[in-house]
Amino acid sequence: MRLTASSNVDVSPEELFTIAADLRNLPVWWIEHLSATVTTPAHRARDAAYEVRYRLPIGLVVSATCTVVAVRAPRSITYIWDGRGIRMAVGQSFLPARNGCRTTLVADLAVSSWLRPLSGVIARVMGATLGEEMQRALATLAEVAAARAIVGRTPAAERAERPERGERRGGRGRAAPAVAAAEGEAGG
């Protein structure tokens, strides 16, 4: 079974790829992934393996191994997700579009032989929910990438020096004199 989700994002393909290609970020943007840790570090992203915990639509949490099998920075990433008799080939592309990027997420779902008697049920449940889940994941990825792009455009030193809204440098904010006076009167 193949499921596809696409989205237009107002950030560059490079910015979006940077977040999505590091599978440790999966729990940030694809919330059904509860955790993702590197189990096999690699010099090339293509050889990395990750252990992920994933919440199935029925609420069951399973562990799976994600092995990156292809990376074409900043255009695409492909990995194999394998756990508890469920195997998915997941690919994501990042193509330049008008003011940003068009990203497409594709998942090919298969079940192992020991789950074959339940494959029809699994396919129906996953098919009914995974497409919507993937679309939500892309929307969240777009939000995360846009937020990082905005923060990244302001140099860190400038962010540290800039006072917060309603606050003066070295002071307690606009209300500081009134608060200090009130504290002085009350504390006596």
C-alpha atoms as a PDB file:
ATOM      1  CA  MET A   1       0.000   0.000   0.000  1.00  0.00           C
ATOM      2  CA  ARG A   2       1.352   3.421  -0.965  1.00  0.00           C
ATOM      3  CA  LEU A   3       0.371   6.636   0.802  1.00  0.00           C
ATOM      4  CA  THR A   4       1.420  10.123  -0.263  1.00  0.00           C
ATOM      5  CA  ALA A   5       1.192  13.586   1.296  1.00  0.00           C
ATOM      6  CA  SER A   6       2.464  16.885  -0.150  1.00  0.00           C
ATOM      7  CA  SER A   7       2.774  20.432   1.066  1.00  0.00           C
ATOM      8  CA  ASN A   8       4.097  23.800  -0.068  1.00  0.00           C
ATOM      9  CA  VAL A   9       6.370  25.402   2.510  1.00  0.00           C
ATOM     10  CA  ASP A  10       7.644  28.984   2.627  1.00  0.00           C
ATOM     11  CA  VAL A  11      11.243  28.019   3.381  1.00  0.00           C
ATOM     12  CA  SER A  12      14.034  26.854   1.107  1.00  0.00           C
ATOM     13  CA  PRO A  13      14.492  23.173   0.261  1.00  0.00           C
ATOM     14  CA  GLU A  14      17.847  23.314   2.054  1.00  0.00           C
ATOM     15  CA  GLU A  15      16.299  24.539   5.324  1.00  0.00           C
ATOM     16  CA  LEU A  16      13.534  21.927   5.207  1.00  0.00           C
ATOM     17  CA  PHE A  17      15.930  19.143   4.242  1.00  0.00           C
ATOM     18  CA  THR A  18      18.251  20.004   7.152  1.00  0.00           C
ATOM     19  CA  ILE A  19      15.470  19.313   9.651  1.00  0.00           C
ATOM     20  CA  ALA A  20      13.919  16.269   7.982  1.00  0.00           C
ATOM     21  CA  ALA A  21      17.166  14.516   7.061  1.00  0.00           C
ATOM     22  CA  ASP A  22      18.237  14.196  10.698  1.00  0.00           C
ATOM     23  CA  LEU A  23      15.837  11.497  11.873  1.00  0.00           C
ATOM     24  CA  ARG A  24      16.441  12.502  15.497  1.00  0.00           C
ATOM     25  CA  ASN A  25      14.046  15.349  14.623  1.00  0.00           C
ATOM     26  CA  LEU A  26      11.163  12.979  13.766  1.00  0.00           C
ATOM     27  CA  PRO A  27       9.442  13.421  17.162  1.00  0.00           C
ATOM     28  CA  VAL A  28       9.524  17.205  16.653  1.00  0.00           C
ATOM     29  CA  TRP A  29       7.513  17.210  13.439  1.00  0.00           C
ATOM     30  CA  TRP A  30       5.917  13.755  13.109  1.00  0.00           C
ATOM     31  CA  ILE A  31       4.381  13.542  16.562  1.00  0.00           C
ATOM     32  CA  GLU A  32       3.421   9.877  16.383  1.00  0.00           C
ATOM     33  CA  HIS A  33       7.159   9.200  16.643  1.00  0.00           C
ATOM     34  CA  LEU A  34       7.766   9.401  20.377  1.00  0.00           C
ATOM     35  CA  SER A  35      11.558   9.190  20.227  1.00  0.00           C
ATOM     36  CA  ALA A  36      14.402   8.692  17.781  1.00  0.00           C
ATOM     37  CA  THR A  37      17.978   7.936  18.771  1.00  0.00           C
ATOM     38  CA  VAL A  38      21.032   7.064  16.715  1.00  0.00           C
ATOM     39  CA  THR A  39      21.989   3.411  17.083  1.00  0.00           C
ATOM     40  CA  THR A  40      24.570   3.270  14.295  1.00  0.00           C
ATOM     41  CA  PRO A  41      26.411   6.548  13.821  1.00  0.00           C
ATOM     42  CA  ALA A  42      27.827   7.065  10.354  1.00  0.00           C
ATOM     43  CA  HIS A  43      30.133   9.465   8.573  1.00  0.00           C
ATOM     44  CA  ARG A  44      27.580   9.654   5.769  1.00  0.00           C
ATOM     45  CA  ALA A  45      23.904  10.235   6.498  1.00  0.00           C
ATOM     46  CA  ARG A  46      23.076   7.409   4.120  1.00  0.00           C
ATOM     47  CA  ASP A  47      24.542   4.780   6.445  1.00  0.00           C
ATOM     48  CA  ALA A  48      22.936   5.911   9.709  1.00  0.00           C
ATOM     49  CA  ALA A  49      20.490   3.773  11.671  1.00  0.00           C
ATOM     50  CA  TYR A  50      18.039   4.989  14.296  1.00  0.00           C
ATOM     51  CA  GLU A  51      15.857   3.330  16.907  1.00  0.00           C
ATOM     52  CA  VAL A  52      12.410   4.931  16.981  1.00  0.00           C
ATOM     53  CA  ARG A  53       9.361   4.493  19.175  1.00  0.00           C
ATOM     54  CA  TYR A  54       6.108   4.983  17.288  1.00  0.00           C
ATOM     55  CA  ARG A  55       2.466   5.144  18.403  1.00  0.00           C
ATOM     56  CA  LEU A  56       0.240   3.070  16.116  1.00  0.00           C
ATOM     57  CA  PRO A  57      -3.297   4.324  15.374  1.00  0.00           C
ATOM     58  CA  ILE A  58      -4.712   1.804  17.865  1.00  0.00           C
ATOM     59  CA  GLY A  59      -2.567   3.316  20.641  1.00  0.00           C
ATOM     60  CA  LEU A  60       0.034   0.551  20.774  1.00  0.00           C
ATOM     61  CA  VAL A  61       3.627   1.809  20.994  1.00  0.00           C
ATOM     62  CA  VAL A  62       6.174  -0.142  18.955  1.00  0.00           C
ATOM     63  CA  SER A  63       9.914   0.131  18.486  1.00  0.00           C
ATOM     64  CA  ALA A  64      11.357   0.112  15.003  1.00  0.00           C
ATOM     65  CA  THR A  65      14.661   0.545  13.264  1.00  0.00           C
ATOM     66  CA  CYS A  66      14.988   3.294  10.673  1.00  0.00           C
ATOM     67  CA  THR A  67      17.888   2.808   8.308  1.00  0.00           C
ATOM     68  CA  VAL A  68      18.730   5.605   5.897  1.00  0.00           C
ATOM     69  CA  VAL A  69      19.262   4.067   2.456  1.00  0.00           C
ATOM     70  CA  ALA A  70      19.550   7.116   0.179  1.00  0.00           C
ATOM     71  CA  VAL A  71      20.307  10.809   0.617  1.00  0.00           C
ATOM     72  CA  ARG A  72      20.466  13.337  -2.183  1.00  0.00           C
ATOM     73  CA  ALA A  73      20.986  16.580  -0.286  1.00  0.00           C
ATOM     74  CA  PRO A  74      19.027  18.823  -0.403  1.00  0.00           C
ATOM     75  CA  ARG A  75      16.587  17.036  -2.742  1.00  0.00           C
ATOM     76  CA  SER A  76      15.531  13.815  -1.018  1.00  0.00           C
ATOM     77  CA  ILE A  77      15.961  11.246   1.714  1.00  0.00           C
ATOM     78  CA  THR A  78      14.787   7.627   1.801  1.00  0.00           C
ATOM     79  CA  TYR A  79      14.762   5.275   4.756  1.00  0.00           C
ATOM     80  CA  ILE A  80      13.392   1.871   5.706  1.00  0.00           C
ATOM     81  CA  TRP A  81      11.211   1.726   8.824  1.00  0.00           C
ATOM     82  CA  ASP A  82      11.048  -1.838  10.191  1.00  0.00           C
ATOM     83  CA  GLY A  83       9.386  -2.954  13.412  1.00  0.00           C
ATOM     84  CA  ARG A  84       6.910  -5.450  14.822  1.00  0.00           C
ATOM     85  CA  GLY A  85       6.194  -7.019  11.460  1.00  0.00           C
ATOM     86  CA  ILE A  86       5.466  -3.699   9.768  1.00  0.00           C
ATOM     87  CA  ARG A  87       7.887  -2.448   7.147  1.00  0.00           C
ATOM     88  CA  MET A  88       7.700   0.896   5.398  1.00  0.00           C
ATOM     89  CA  ALA A  89       9.905   2.443   2.765  1.00  0.00           C
ATOM     90  CA  VAL A  90       9.622   6.167   3.417  1.00  0.00           C
ATOM     91  CA  GLY A  91      10.828   8.778   0.973  1.00  0.00           C
ATOM     92  CA  GLN A  92      10.669  12.541   1.157  1.00  0.00           C
ATOM     93  CA  SER A  93      11.515  14.993  -1.590  1.00  0.00           C
ATOM     94  CA  PHE A  94      12.231  18.720  -1.385  1.00  0.00           C
ATOM     95  CA  LEU A  95      11.782  20.654  -4.637  1.00  0.00           C
ATOM     96  CA  PRO A  96      12.112  24.392  -5.193  1.00  0.00           C
ATOM     97  CA  ALA A  97       8.735  26.065  -5.618  1.00  0.00           C
ATOM     98  CA  ARG A  98       7.605  29.686  -5.980  1.00  0.00           C
ATOM     99  CA  ASN A  99       8.698  31.204  -2.661  1.00  0.00           C
ATOM    100  CA  GLY A 100      10.015  28.104  -1.000  1.00  0.00           C
ATOM    101  CA  CYS A 101       9.726  24.375  -1.338  1.00  0.00           C
ATOM    102  CA  ARG A 102       7.288  21.647  -2.297  1.00  0.00           C
ATOM    103  CA  THR A 103       7.817  18.589  -0.140  1.00  0.00           C
ATOM    104  CA  THR A 104       6.277  15.192  -0.750  1.00  0.00           C
ATOM    105  CA  LEU A 105       6.276  12.345   1.744  1.00  0.00           C
ATOM    106  CA  VAL A 106       5.665   8.831   0.386  1.00  0.00           C
ATOM    107  CA  ALA A 107       5.276   5.669   2.480  1.00  0.00           C
ATOM    108  CA  ASP A 108       5.072   2.159   1.039  1.00  0.00           C
ATOM    109  CA  LEU A 109       3.615  -0.101   3.725  1.00  0.00           C
ATOM    110  CA  ALA A 110       4.050  -3.895   3.906  1.00  0.00           C
ATOM    111  CA  VAL A 111       3.573  -6.511   6.622  1.00  0.00           C
ATOM    112  CA  SER A 112       5.752  -9.541   7.334  1.00  0.00           C
ATOM    113  CA  SER A 113       4.657 -13.134   6.913  1.00  0.00           C
ATOM    114  CA  TRP A 114       3.721 -13.660  10.556  1.00  0.00           C
ATOM    115  CA  LEU A 115       1.280 -10.742  10.329  1.00  0.00           C
ATOM    116  CA  ARG A 116      -0.063 -11.746   6.928  1.00  0.00           C
ATOM    117  CA  PRO A 117      -3.373 -13.094   8.348  1.00  0.00           C
ATOM    118  CA  LEU A 118      -3.973  -9.601   9.770  1.00  0.00           C
ATOM    119  CA  SER A 119      -2.571  -7.707   6.789  1.00  0.00           C
ATOM    120  CA  GLY A 120      -6.023  -6.647   5.530  1.00  0.00           C
ATOM    121  CA  VAL A 121      -6.964  -5.164   8.902  1.00  0.00           C
ATOM    122  CA  ILE A 122      -3.568  -3.516   9.347  1.00  0.00           C
ATOM    123  CA  ALA A 123      -3.721  -2.055   5.844  1.00  0.00           C
ATOM    124  CA  ARG A 124      -7.226  -0.652   6.423  1.00  0.00           C
ATOM    125  CA  VAL A 125      -6.346   0.867   9.819  1.00  0.00           C
ATOM    126  CA  MET A 126      -3.012   2.276   8.661  1.00  0.00           C
ATOM    127  CA  GLY A 127      -4.470   3.421   5.342  1.00  0.00           C
ATOM    128  CA  ALA A 128      -7.322   5.236   7.067  1.00  0.00           C
ATOM    129  CA  THR A 129      -5.057   7.113   9.446  1.00  0.00           C
ATOM    130  CA  LEU A 130      -1.526   7.262   8.014  1.00  0.00           C
ATOM    131  CA  GLY A 131      -2.411   9.598   5.141  1.00  0.00           C
ATOM    132  CA  GLU A 132      -3.888  12.193   7.536  1.00  0.00           C
ATOM    133  CA  GLU A 133      -0.994  11.628   9.941  1.00  0.00           C
ATOM    134  CA  MET A 134       1.519  12.314   7.166  1.00  0.00           C
ATOM    135  CA  GLN A 135      -0.315  15.504   6.151  1.00  0.00           C
ATOM    136  CA  ARG A 136      -0.248  16.730   9.793  1.00  0.00           C
ATOM    137  CA  ALA A 137       3.439  15.848   9.976  1.00  0.00           C
ATOM    138  CA  LEU A 138       4.201  17.968   6.923  1.00  0.00           C
ATOM    139  CA  ALA A 139       2.214  20.898   8.329  1.00  0.00           C
ATOM    140  CA  THR A 140       4.166  20.651  11.594  1.00  0.00           C
ATOM    141  CA  LEU A 141       7.464  20.345   9.704  1.00  0.00           C
ATOM    142  CA  ALA A 142       6.587  23.525   7.801  1.00  0.00           C
ATOM    143  CA  GLU A 143       5.888  25.384  11.061  1.00  0.00           C
ATOM    144  CA  VAL A 144       9.125  24.170  12.661  1.00  0.00           C
ATOM    145  CA  ALA A 145      11.181  25.076   9.587  1.00  0.00           C
ATOM    146  CA  ALA A 146       9.587  28.524   9.318  1.00  0.00           C
ATOM    147  CA  ALA A 147      10.253  29.228  13.003  1.00  0.00           C
ATOM    148  CA  ARG A 148      13.879  28.100  12.719  1.00  0.00           C
ATOM    149  CA  ALA A 149      14.337  30.181   9.562  1.00  0.00           C
ATOM    150  CA  ILE A 150      13.032  33.298  11.319  1.00  0.00           C
ATOM    151  CA  VAL A 151      15.220  32.741  14.380  1.00  0.00           C
ATOM    152  CA  GLY A 152      18.191  31.892  12.177  1.00  0.00           C
ATOM    153  CA  ARG A 153      17.956  35.177  10.271  1.00  0.00           C
ATOM    154  CA  THR A 154      18.660  37.212  13.415  1.00  0.00           C
ATOM    155  CA  PRO A 155      22.272  36.806  14.601  1.00  0.00           C
ATOM    156  CA  ALA A 156      22.523  35.237  18.054  1.00  0.00           C
ATOM    157  CA  ALA A 157      24.487  38.186  19.500  1.00  0.00           C
ATOM    158  CA  GLU A 158      21.787  40.558  18.309  1.00  0.00           C
ATOM    159  CA  ARG A 159      19.036  38.386  19.887  1.00  0.00           C
ATOM    160  CA  ALA A 160      20.931  38.342  23.204  1.00  0.00           C
ATOM    161  CA  GLU A 161      21.389  42.127  23.223  1.00  0.00           C
ATOM    162  CA  ARG A 162      17.856  43.010  22.166  1.00  0.00           C
ATOM    163  CA  PRO A 163      15.579  43.781  25.135  1.00  0.00           C
ATOM    164  CA  GLU A 164      12.293  41.972  25.432  1.00  0.00           C
ATOM    165  CA  ARG A 165       9.074  43.843  24.676  1.00  0.00           C
ATOM    166  CA  GLY A 166       8.405  46.359  27.446  1.00  0.00           C
ATOM    167  CA  GLU A 167      11.844  45.873  28.979  1.00  0.00           C
ATOM    168  CA  ARG A 168      14.786  48.261  29.103  1.00  0.00           C
ATOM    169  CA  ARG A 169      18.386  47.173  28.976  1.00  0.00           C
ATOM    170  CA  GLY A 170      19.664  46.782  32.456  1.00  0.00           C
ATOM    171  CA  GLY A 171      16.254  47.656  33.919  1.00  0.00           C
ATOM    172  CA  ARG A 172      13.170  45.883  35.129  1.00  0.00           C
ATOM    173  CA  GLY A 173      10.865  47.103  32.355  1.00  0.00           C
ATOM    174  CA  ARG A 174       8.678  50.143  31.908  1.00  0.00           C
ATOM    175  CA  ALA A 175       6.919  49.658  35.181  1.00  0.00           C
ATOM    176  CA  ALA A 176      10.169  49.481  37.152  1.00  0.00           C
ATOM    177  CA  PRO A 177      10.030  52.980  38.737  1.00  0.00           C
ATOM    178  CA  ALA A 178       6.383  52.588  39.787  1.00  0.00           C
ATOM    179  CA  VAL A 179       6.980  49.091  41.160  1.00  0.00           C
ATOM    180  CA  ALA A 180      10.085  50.221  43.039  1.00  0.00           C
ATOM    181  CA  ALA A 181       8.180  53.159  44.530  1.00  0.00           C
ATOM    182  CA  ALA A 182       5.296  50.929  45.566  1.00  0.00           C
ATOM    183  CA  GLU A 183       7.673  48.416  47.123  1.00  0.00           C
ATOM    184  CA  GLY A 184       9.412  51.230  48.990  1.00  0.00           C
ATOM    185  CA  GLU A 185       6.095  52.541  50.349  1.00  0.00           C
ATOM    186  CA  ALA A 186       4.819  49.097  51.285  1.00  0.00           C
ATOM    187  CA  GLY A 187       8.132  47.876  52.735  1.00  0.00           C
ATOM    188  CA  GLY A 188       8.660  51.124  54.486  1.00  0.00           C
END
